[in-house]
């Protein structure tokens, strides 16, 4: 099976090529990605704990789901696809903010992403894919913020960056 490719982009999020995902992470090249944040009617965020056998950040807590768009796939289509693949449900999503970040990992890989944030609302329970997700929970935003400050080591690098930038946007809308 051919390795999944990511979309390499410039700082304006314009496509400049395709590259196998692992190679892009090894070379720390900027590529397009997305992060989905699903809230319930109580304004709690659905967090997922990454599967324990993931190649990076195993067992750490993060946003509802995240991944990379496929060539020719819209941000919203990619978000809905991955939400179904990881969490086992579908909801309408809307695009929010986007920004660039760079997060190196201890294993030599680096996430250097132009990340598109998408929002959705859901009040049910997910049907998690155990190959992707170890566990999940709902948390109020303020509790997430406090927990990241108290125990940052249990959260993914990108979630801490995204949540820090994203939190003010969430607060503006609540």
N, C-alpha and C. Protein backbone atom coordinates (compact mmCIF):
# COMPACT_ATOMS: atom_id res chain seq x y z
N UNK A 1 0.83 -1.18 0.00
CA UNK A 1 0.00 0.00 0.00
C UNK A 1 0.88 1.24 0.00
N UNK A 2 0.55 2.20 -0.85
CA UNK A 2 1.32 3.43 -0.95
C UNK A 2 1.10 4.29 0.29
N UNK A 3 2.19 4.87 0.80
CA UNK A 3 2.08 5.74 1.96
C UNK A 3 1.25 6.97 1.63
N UNK A 4 0.45 7.38 2.59
CA UNK A 4 -0.38 8.58 2.41
C UNK A 4 0.52 9.79 2.18
N UNK A 5 0.09 10.66 1.29
CA UNK A 5 0.85 11.87 0.99
C UNK A 5 0.17 13.08 1.62
N UNK A 6 0.99 14.05 1.99
CA UNK A 6 0.48 15.31 2.49
C UNK A 6 0.67 16.38 1.43
N UNK A 7 -0.08 17.46 1.55
CA UNK A 7 -0.01 18.56 0.60
C UNK A 7 0.98 19.59 1.14
N UNK A 8 2.11 19.74 0.46
CA UNK A 8 3.07 20.77 0.84
C UNK A 8 2.52 22.12 0.42
N UNK A 9 2.67 23.12 1.29
CA UNK A 9 2.15 24.46 1.01
C UNK A 9 3.21 25.51 1.35
N UNK A 10 2.98 26.70 0.80
CA UNK A 10 3.81 27.84 1.19
C UNK A 10 3.12 28.57 2.35
N UNK A 11 3.65 29.69 2.75
CA UNK A 11 3.10 30.40 3.91
C UNK A 11 1.77 31.09 3.61
N UNK A 12 1.31 31.01 2.36
CA UNK A 12 -0.02 31.52 2.00
C UNK A 12 -1.02 30.37 1.84
N UNK A 13 -0.62 29.16 2.24
CA UNK A 13 -1.42 27.95 2.11
C UNK A 13 -1.70 27.60 0.65
N UNK A 14 -0.77 27.93 -0.23
CA UNK A 14 -0.88 27.57 -1.64
C UNK A 14 -0.11 26.26 -1.86
N UNK A 15 -0.73 25.31 -2.53
CA UNK A 15 -0.11 24.01 -2.77
C UNK A 15 1.16 24.18 -3.61
N UNK A 16 2.25 23.55 -3.14
CA UNK A 16 3.50 23.57 -3.90
C UNK A 16 3.97 22.16 -4.25
N UNK A 17 3.26 21.13 -3.77
CA UNK A 17 3.63 19.77 -4.10
C UNK A 17 3.00 18.76 -3.16
N UNK A 18 3.35 17.50 -3.39
CA UNK A 18 2.90 16.40 -2.54
C UNK A 18 4.13 15.65 -2.05
N UNK A 19 4.03 15.03 -0.87
CA UNK A 19 5.15 14.27 -0.33
C UNK A 19 4.61 13.21 0.61
N UNK A 20 5.24 12.04 0.66
CA UNK A 20 4.83 11.05 1.66
C UNK A 20 4.86 11.66 3.06
N UNK A 21 3.86 11.32 3.86
CA UNK A 21 3.67 11.93 5.17
C UNK A 21 4.91 11.82 6.06
N UNK A 22 5.50 10.64 6.15
CA UNK A 22 6.66 10.46 7.02
C UNK A 22 7.84 11.32 6.56
N UNK A 23 8.04 11.40 5.25
CA UNK A 23 9.15 12.21 4.74
C UNK A 23 8.95 13.68 5.09
N UNK A 24 7.72 14.18 4.96
CA UNK A 24 7.43 15.58 5.31
C UNK A 24 7.69 15.83 6.79
N UNK A 25 7.35 14.86 7.64
CA UNK A 25 7.58 15.02 9.07
C UNK A 25 9.06 14.88 9.40
N UNK A 26 9.80 14.04 8.69
CA UNK A 26 11.24 13.92 8.91
C UNK A 26 11.97 15.19 8.50
N UNK A 27 11.53 15.82 7.40
CA UNK A 27 12.19 17.03 6.87
C UNK A 27 11.59 18.32 7.44
N UNK A 28 10.57 18.21 8.27
CA UNK A 28 9.91 19.37 8.89
C UNK A 28 9.40 20.38 7.86
N UNK A 29 8.84 19.86 6.75
CA UNK A 29 8.34 20.74 5.70
C UNK A 29 6.90 21.15 5.98
N UNK A 30 6.59 22.40 5.65
CA UNK A 30 5.26 22.94 5.89
C UNK A 30 4.23 22.22 5.02
N UNK A 31 3.17 21.73 5.66
CA UNK A 31 2.12 21.02 4.93
C UNK A 31 0.76 21.34 5.54
N UNK A 32 -0.28 21.09 4.75
CA UNK A 32 -1.65 21.40 5.15
C UNK A 32 -2.16 20.33 6.11
N UNK A 33 -2.89 20.78 7.12
CA UNK A 33 -3.48 19.88 8.11
C UNK A 33 -4.78 20.50 8.62
N UNK A 34 -5.49 19.72 9.43
CA UNK A 34 -6.70 20.25 10.03
C UNK A 34 -6.88 19.67 11.42
N UNK A 35 -7.62 20.41 12.23
CA UNK A 35 -7.96 19.98 13.59
C UNK A 35 -9.45 20.24 13.81
N UNK A 36 -10.16 19.20 14.23
CA UNK A 36 -11.59 19.29 14.47
C UNK A 36 -11.83 19.40 15.97
N UNK A 37 -12.67 20.37 16.34
CA UNK A 37 -13.08 20.59 17.72
C UNK A 37 -14.60 20.42 17.77
N UNK A 38 -15.07 19.38 18.47
CA UNK A 38 -16.50 19.12 18.58
C UNK A 38 -16.93 19.44 20.00
N UNK A 39 -17.99 20.24 20.09
CA UNK A 39 -18.56 20.66 21.36
C UNK A 39 -19.95 20.08 21.52
N UNK A 40 -20.37 19.93 22.79
CA UNK A 40 -21.76 19.57 23.05
C UNK A 40 -22.54 20.84 23.41
N UNK A 41 -23.82 20.68 23.71
CA UNK A 41 -24.66 21.83 24.03
C UNK A 41 -24.28 22.51 25.35
N UNK A 42 -23.45 21.85 26.16
CA UNK A 42 -22.97 22.45 27.41
C UNK A 42 -21.67 23.22 27.17
N UNK A 43 -21.25 23.33 25.91
CA UNK A 43 -19.99 23.97 25.51
C UNK A 43 -18.77 23.24 26.06
N UNK A 44 -18.91 21.91 26.21
CA UNK A 44 -17.77 21.07 26.59
C UNK A 44 -17.12 20.56 25.31
N UNK A 45 -15.81 20.44 25.35
CA UNK A 45 -15.03 19.95 24.21
C UNK A 45 -14.84 18.44 24.33
N UNK A 46 -15.05 17.72 23.21
CA UNK A 46 -14.76 16.29 23.18
C UNK A 46 -13.27 16.11 22.91
N UNK A 47 -12.58 15.52 23.88
CA UNK A 47 -11.15 15.22 23.74
C UNK A 47 -10.98 13.75 23.41
N UNK A 48 -9.92 13.45 22.69
CA UNK A 48 -9.57 12.05 22.47
C UNK A 48 -8.18 11.80 23.02
N UNK A 49 -8.00 10.57 23.50
CA UNK A 49 -6.67 10.11 23.89
C UNK A 49 -6.16 9.25 22.74
N UNK A 50 -5.01 9.63 22.20
CA UNK A 50 -4.47 8.91 21.06
C UNK A 50 -4.16 7.45 21.42
N UNK A 51 -4.35 6.57 20.46
CA UNK A 51 -4.06 5.15 20.66
C UNK A 51 -2.62 4.97 21.16
N UNK A 52 -2.42 3.93 21.94
CA UNK A 52 -1.13 3.72 22.59
C UNK A 52 -0.04 3.28 21.63
N UNK A 53 -0.41 2.85 20.40
CA UNK A 53 0.61 2.40 19.46
C UNK A 53 0.81 3.37 18.29
N UNK A 54 0.37 4.63 18.44
CA UNK A 54 0.60 5.63 17.40
C UNK A 54 2.11 5.90 17.30
N UNK A 55 2.57 6.26 16.09
CA UNK A 55 4.01 6.44 15.89
C UNK A 55 4.56 7.69 16.56
N UNK A 56 3.71 8.66 16.89
CA UNK A 56 4.14 9.76 17.75
C UNK A 56 2.98 10.17 18.65
N UNK A 57 3.34 10.69 19.80
CA UNK A 57 2.38 11.17 20.80
C UNK A 57 1.36 10.11 21.24
N UNK A 58 1.80 8.83 21.40
CA UNK A 58 0.84 7.81 21.82
C UNK A 58 0.33 8.07 23.24
N UNK A 59 -0.96 7.84 23.46
CA UNK A 59 -1.54 7.94 24.79
C UNK A 59 -1.78 9.36 25.28
N UNK A 60 -1.44 10.35 24.47
CA UNK A 60 -1.64 11.73 24.90
C UNK A 60 -3.04 12.22 24.52
N UNK A 61 -3.54 13.18 25.27
CA UNK A 61 -4.86 13.77 25.02
C UNK A 61 -4.74 14.88 24.01
N UNK A 62 -5.78 15.04 23.18
CA UNK A 62 -5.77 16.04 22.13
C UNK A 62 -7.20 16.41 21.75
N UNK A 63 -7.33 17.26 20.73
CA UNK A 63 -8.65 17.68 20.26
C UNK A 63 -9.40 16.49 19.66
N UNK A 64 -10.65 16.69 19.29
CA UNK A 64 -11.54 15.61 18.89
C UNK A 64 -10.94 14.73 17.80
N UNK A 65 -10.39 15.32 16.76
CA UNK A 65 -9.62 14.57 15.76
C UNK A 65 -8.82 15.54 14.93
N UNK A 66 -7.80 15.02 14.26
CA UNK A 66 -6.99 15.84 13.38
C UNK A 66 -6.28 14.93 12.38
N UNK A 67 -5.87 15.52 11.27
CA UNK A 67 -5.18 14.75 10.24
C UNK A 67 -4.74 15.70 9.14
N UNK A 68 -4.58 15.12 7.95
CA UNK A 68 -4.15 15.86 6.78
C UNK A 68 -5.16 15.70 5.66
N UNK A 69 -5.39 16.79 4.93
CA UNK A 69 -6.25 16.74 3.77
C UNK A 69 -5.57 15.90 2.69
N UNK A 70 -6.37 15.22 1.89
CA UNK A 70 -5.86 14.50 0.72
C UNK A 70 -5.88 15.44 -0.47
N UNK A 71 -5.05 15.16 -1.45
CA UNK A 71 -4.99 16.01 -2.64
C UNK A 71 -6.38 16.11 -3.27
N UNK A 72 -6.84 17.33 -3.48
CA UNK A 72 -8.15 17.55 -4.09
C UNK A 72 -9.32 17.54 -3.12
N UNK A 73 -9.07 17.29 -1.85
CA UNK A 73 -10.13 17.20 -0.84
C UNK A 73 -10.27 18.55 -0.12
N UNK A 74 -11.49 19.02 0.05
CA UNK A 74 -11.69 20.28 0.76
C UNK A 74 -11.41 20.07 2.25
N UNK A 75 -11.19 21.17 2.95
CA UNK A 75 -10.97 21.10 4.39
C UNK A 75 -12.15 20.43 5.09
N UNK A 76 -13.37 20.87 4.74
CA UNK A 76 -14.56 20.33 5.41
C UNK A 76 -14.77 18.85 5.09
N UNK A 77 -14.55 18.45 3.85
CA UNK A 77 -14.67 17.03 3.50
C UNK A 77 -13.65 16.20 4.27
N UNK A 78 -12.42 16.71 4.38
CA UNK A 78 -11.37 16.00 5.11
C UNK A 78 -11.74 15.88 6.59
N UNK A 79 -12.24 16.96 7.17
CA UNK A 79 -12.63 16.92 8.57
C UNK A 79 -13.74 15.92 8.84
N UNK A 80 -14.76 15.92 7.97
CA UNK A 80 -15.86 14.96 8.15
C UNK A 80 -15.38 13.52 7.96
N UNK A 81 -14.51 13.29 6.98
CA UNK A 81 -13.97 11.94 6.74
C UNK A 81 -13.23 11.44 7.97
N UNK A 82 -12.35 12.26 8.49
CA UNK A 82 -11.51 11.81 9.59
C UNK A 82 -12.29 11.69 10.90
N UNK A 83 -13.28 12.54 11.09
CA UNK A 83 -14.13 12.42 12.27
C UNK A 83 -14.84 11.07 12.27
N UNK A 84 -15.32 10.65 11.10
CA UNK A 84 -15.96 9.34 10.98
C UNK A 84 -14.95 8.22 11.20
N UNK A 85 -13.76 8.34 10.61
CA UNK A 85 -12.74 7.29 10.73
C UNK A 85 -12.23 7.12 12.16
N UNK A 86 -12.04 8.21 12.88
CA UNK A 86 -11.48 8.13 14.23
C UNK A 86 -12.54 7.98 15.31
N UNK A 87 -13.61 8.78 15.22
CA UNK A 87 -14.58 8.87 16.31
C UNK A 87 -15.92 8.20 16.00
N UNK A 88 -16.14 7.81 14.75
CA UNK A 88 -17.30 7.02 14.39
C UNK A 88 -18.61 7.78 14.31
N UNK A 89 -18.55 9.09 14.07
CA UNK A 89 -19.79 9.85 13.87
C UNK A 89 -19.54 10.99 12.90
N UNK A 90 -20.63 11.53 12.38
CA UNK A 90 -20.55 12.65 11.45
C UNK A 90 -21.41 13.79 11.98
N UNK A 91 -20.92 15.01 11.80
CA UNK A 91 -21.69 16.21 12.11
C UNK A 91 -21.31 17.28 11.08
N UNK A 92 -22.19 18.24 10.85
CA UNK A 92 -21.79 19.36 10.01
C UNK A 92 -20.64 20.11 10.69
N UNK A 93 -19.68 20.52 9.90
CA UNK A 93 -18.53 21.28 10.41
C UNK A 93 -18.50 22.64 9.75
N UNK A 94 -17.93 23.59 10.45
CA UNK A 94 -17.70 24.91 9.86
C UNK A 94 -16.24 25.29 10.10
N UNK A 95 -15.68 25.99 9.13
CA UNK A 95 -14.29 26.42 9.26
C UNK A 95 -14.20 27.60 10.21
N UNK A 96 -13.12 27.65 10.97
CA UNK A 96 -12.88 28.73 11.91
C UNK A 96 -11.58 29.43 11.50
N UNK A 97 -10.61 29.41 12.37
CA UNK A 97 -9.33 30.06 12.09
C UNK A 97 -8.35 29.09 11.45
N UNK A 98 -7.27 29.62 10.92
CA UNK A 98 -6.15 28.80 10.45
C UNK A 98 -4.86 29.54 10.76
N UNK A 99 -3.79 28.78 10.97
CA UNK A 99 -2.50 29.38 11.31
C UNK A 99 -1.40 28.33 11.13
N UNK A 100 -0.16 28.78 11.18
CA UNK A 100 0.99 27.88 11.06
C UNK A 100 1.60 27.63 12.44
N UNK A 101 2.12 26.42 12.61
CA UNK A 101 2.88 26.12 13.83
C UNK A 101 3.91 25.05 13.51
N UNK A 102 4.90 24.95 14.39
CA UNK A 102 5.96 23.95 14.25
C UNK A 102 6.19 23.32 15.61
N UNK A 103 6.11 21.98 15.67
CA UNK A 103 6.27 21.26 16.93
C UNK A 103 7.17 20.04 16.72
N UNK A 104 8.42 20.11 17.19
CA UNK A 104 9.31 18.94 17.08
C UNK A 104 8.99 17.89 18.16
N UNK A 105 9.22 16.62 17.82
CA UNK A 105 8.99 15.52 18.75
C UNK A 105 10.32 14.87 19.13
N UNK A 106 10.30 14.13 20.23
CA UNK A 106 11.51 13.45 20.70
C UNK A 106 12.02 12.40 19.73
N UNK A 107 11.14 11.87 18.86
CA UNK A 107 11.55 10.80 17.94
C UNK A 107 12.17 11.33 16.65
N UNK A 108 12.46 12.63 16.58
CA UNK A 108 13.10 13.20 15.40
C UNK A 108 12.13 13.73 14.35
N UNK A 109 10.84 13.47 14.51
CA UNK A 109 9.84 13.98 13.57
C UNK A 109 9.39 15.37 14.01
N UNK A 110 8.90 16.15 13.06
CA UNK A 110 8.40 17.49 13.35
C UNK A 110 7.10 17.73 12.62
N UNK A 111 6.12 18.23 13.36
CA UNK A 111 4.89 18.72 12.72
C UNK A 111 5.12 20.18 12.38
N UNK A 112 5.09 20.51 11.10
CA UNK A 112 5.18 21.89 10.63
C UNK A 112 3.97 22.07 9.73
N UNK A 113 2.92 22.65 10.31
CA UNK A 113 1.63 22.59 9.64
C UNK A 113 0.98 23.95 9.46
N UNK A 114 0.26 24.04 8.37
CA UNK A 114 -0.69 25.13 8.15
C UNK A 114 -2.03 24.52 8.51
N UNK A 115 -2.47 24.79 9.72
CA UNK A 115 -3.58 24.06 10.32
C UNK A 115 -4.90 24.82 10.19
N UNK A 116 -5.92 24.12 9.73
CA UNK A 116 -7.26 24.67 9.57
C UNK A 116 -8.13 24.11 10.69
N UNK A 117 -8.71 25.00 11.49
CA UNK A 117 -9.56 24.59 12.61
C UNK A 117 -11.01 24.51 12.13
N UNK A 118 -11.67 23.42 12.49
CA UNK A 118 -13.08 23.24 12.16
C UNK A 118 -13.87 22.94 13.43
N UNK A 119 -15.09 23.44 13.47
CA UNK A 119 -15.95 23.30 14.64
C UNK A 119 -17.20 22.52 14.30
N UNK A 120 -17.67 21.74 15.27
CA UNK A 120 -18.92 21.01 15.11
C UNK A 120 -19.60 20.85 16.46
N UNK A 121 -20.86 20.44 16.42
CA UNK A 121 -21.63 20.20 17.65
C UNK A 121 -22.20 18.79 17.60
N UNK A 122 -22.11 18.10 18.75
CA UNK A 122 -22.58 16.72 18.85
C UNK A 122 -22.90 16.45 20.31
N UNK A 123 -23.95 15.73 20.58
CA UNK A 123 -24.34 15.46 21.96
C UNK A 123 -24.36 13.97 22.29
N UNK A 124 -23.93 13.14 21.36
CA UNK A 124 -23.96 11.70 21.61
C UNK A 124 -22.61 11.18 22.08
N UNK A 125 -22.50 9.85 22.04
CA UNK A 125 -21.25 9.20 22.37
C UNK A 125 -20.59 8.73 21.08
N UNK A 126 -19.27 8.87 20.99
CA UNK A 126 -18.58 8.40 19.79
C UNK A 126 -18.48 6.88 19.77
N UNK A 127 -18.22 6.34 18.59
CA UNK A 127 -17.94 4.93 18.41
C UNK A 127 -16.48 4.86 17.96
N UNK A 128 -15.56 4.96 18.93
CA UNK A 128 -14.15 5.17 18.62
C UNK A 128 -13.52 3.99 17.88
N UNK A 129 -12.57 4.33 17.00
CA UNK A 129 -11.76 3.34 16.29
C UNK A 129 -10.55 3.06 17.18
N UNK A 130 -10.42 1.85 17.75
CA UNK A 130 -9.33 1.56 18.69
C UNK A 130 -7.94 1.61 18.06
N UNK A 131 -7.85 1.57 16.74
CA UNK A 131 -6.54 1.74 16.09
C UNK A 131 -6.07 3.19 16.15
N UNK A 132 -7.00 4.11 16.37
CA UNK A 132 -6.69 5.54 16.39
C UNK A 132 -6.84 6.17 17.77
N UNK A 133 -7.81 5.68 18.55
CA UNK A 133 -8.22 6.35 19.78
C UNK A 133 -8.27 5.35 20.94
N UNK A 134 -7.62 5.72 22.07
CA UNK A 134 -7.64 4.86 23.25
C UNK A 134 -8.84 5.17 24.14
N UNK A 135 -9.20 6.46 24.23
CA UNK A 135 -10.30 6.86 25.09
C UNK A 135 -10.79 8.24 24.64
N UNK A 136 -11.85 8.71 25.31
CA UNK A 136 -12.39 10.03 25.01
C UNK A 136 -13.10 10.56 26.24
N UNK A 137 -13.35 11.88 26.27
CA UNK A 137 -14.09 12.49 27.36
C UNK A 137 -14.54 13.89 26.95
N UNK A 138 -15.57 14.38 27.62
CA UNK A 138 -16.02 15.77 27.49
C UNK A 138 -15.36 16.56 28.60
N UNK A 139 -14.90 17.78 28.28
CA UNK A 139 -14.34 18.67 29.31
C UNK A 139 -14.76 20.11 29.03
N UNK A 140 -15.15 20.84 30.07
CA UNK A 140 -15.39 22.27 29.88
C UNK A 140 -14.09 22.96 29.46
N UNK A 141 -14.21 23.99 28.66
CA UNK A 141 -13.02 24.68 28.15
C UNK A 141 -12.11 25.19 29.25
N UNK A 142 -12.69 25.79 30.26
CA UNK A 142 -11.86 26.33 31.34
C UNK A 142 -11.09 25.21 32.04
N UNK A 143 -11.72 24.04 32.20
CA UNK A 143 -11.05 22.90 32.82
C UNK A 143 -9.90 22.39 31.95
N UNK A 144 -10.08 22.41 30.62
CA UNK A 144 -9.00 22.01 29.71
C UNK A 144 -7.83 22.97 29.87
N UNK A 145 -8.12 24.25 29.85
CA UNK A 145 -7.07 25.26 29.98
C UNK A 145 -6.29 25.06 31.28
N UNK A 146 -7.01 24.88 32.39
CA UNK A 146 -6.36 24.68 33.69
C UNK A 146 -5.55 23.39 33.72
N UNK A 147 -6.09 22.33 33.12
CA UNK A 147 -5.39 21.04 33.13
C UNK A 147 -4.11 21.09 32.30
N UNK A 148 -4.15 21.80 31.17
CA UNK A 148 -2.93 21.95 30.35
C UNK A 148 -1.85 22.67 31.15
N UNK A 149 -2.25 23.67 31.94
CA UNK A 149 -1.27 24.39 32.77
C UNK A 149 -0.70 23.50 33.86
N UNK A 150 -1.54 22.63 34.45
CA UNK A 150 -1.11 21.78 35.56
C UNK A 150 -0.30 20.57 35.11
N UNK A 151 -0.71 19.95 34.00
CA UNK A 151 -0.03 18.74 33.54
C UNK A 151 0.12 18.73 32.02
N UNK A 152 0.96 19.63 31.49
CA UNK A 152 1.12 19.75 30.04
C UNK A 152 1.65 18.48 29.37
N UNK A 153 2.31 17.64 30.14
CA UNK A 153 2.93 16.44 29.57
C UNK A 153 1.90 15.40 29.10
N UNK A 154 0.63 15.53 29.48
CA UNK A 154 -0.36 14.53 29.05
C UNK A 154 -1.11 14.96 27.79
N UNK A 155 -0.73 16.12 27.22
CA UNK A 155 -1.38 16.64 26.01
C UNK A 155 -0.41 16.68 24.85
N UNK A 156 -0.94 16.53 23.64
CA UNK A 156 -0.09 16.59 22.45
C UNK A 156 0.48 18.00 22.27
N UNK A 157 1.65 18.05 21.64
CA UNK A 157 2.32 19.34 21.40
C UNK A 157 1.43 20.27 20.60
N UNK A 158 0.82 19.74 19.52
CA UNK A 158 0.01 20.63 18.67
C UNK A 158 -1.25 21.10 19.38
N UNK A 159 -1.82 20.24 20.22
CA UNK A 159 -3.04 20.65 20.93
C UNK A 159 -2.74 21.83 21.86
N UNK A 160 -1.59 21.77 22.54
CA UNK A 160 -1.23 22.87 23.44
C UNK A 160 -1.06 24.16 22.65
N UNK A 161 -0.42 24.10 21.50
CA UNK A 161 -0.25 25.29 20.67
C UNK A 161 -1.62 25.76 20.15
N UNK A 162 -2.38 24.84 19.59
CA UNK A 162 -3.68 25.18 19.02
C UNK A 162 -4.62 25.71 20.10
N UNK A 163 -4.67 25.03 21.23
CA UNK A 163 -5.61 25.44 22.28
C UNK A 163 -5.26 26.83 22.78
N UNK A 164 -3.97 27.12 22.91
CA UNK A 164 -3.55 28.44 23.35
C UNK A 164 -4.04 29.52 22.38
N UNK A 165 -3.89 29.28 21.08
CA UNK A 165 -4.32 30.25 20.07
C UNK A 165 -5.84 30.22 19.89
N UNK A 166 -6.43 29.06 19.99
CA UNK A 166 -7.84 28.83 19.71
C UNK A 166 -8.74 29.28 20.85
N UNK A 167 -8.23 29.24 22.06
CA UNK A 167 -9.03 29.53 23.25
C UNK A 167 -9.70 30.90 23.16
N UNK A 168 -8.94 31.93 22.77
CA UNK A 168 -9.51 33.26 22.68
C UNK A 168 -10.61 33.32 21.62
N UNK A 169 -10.44 32.61 20.53
CA UNK A 169 -11.48 32.56 19.50
C UNK A 169 -12.74 31.90 20.04
N UNK A 170 -12.57 30.85 20.82
CA UNK A 170 -13.72 30.18 21.43
C UNK A 170 -14.41 31.13 22.40
N UNK A 171 -13.63 31.80 23.21
CA UNK A 171 -14.21 32.69 24.22
C UNK A 171 -14.98 33.83 23.57
N UNK A 172 -14.56 34.28 22.39
CA UNK A 172 -15.27 35.34 21.71
C UNK A 172 -16.66 34.89 21.25
N UNK A 173 -16.81 33.59 21.05
CA UNK A 173 -18.07 33.06 20.49
C UNK A 173 -18.99 32.49 21.57
N UNK A 174 -18.61 32.56 22.82
CA UNK A 174 -19.46 31.98 23.86
C UNK A 174 -20.14 33.05 24.68
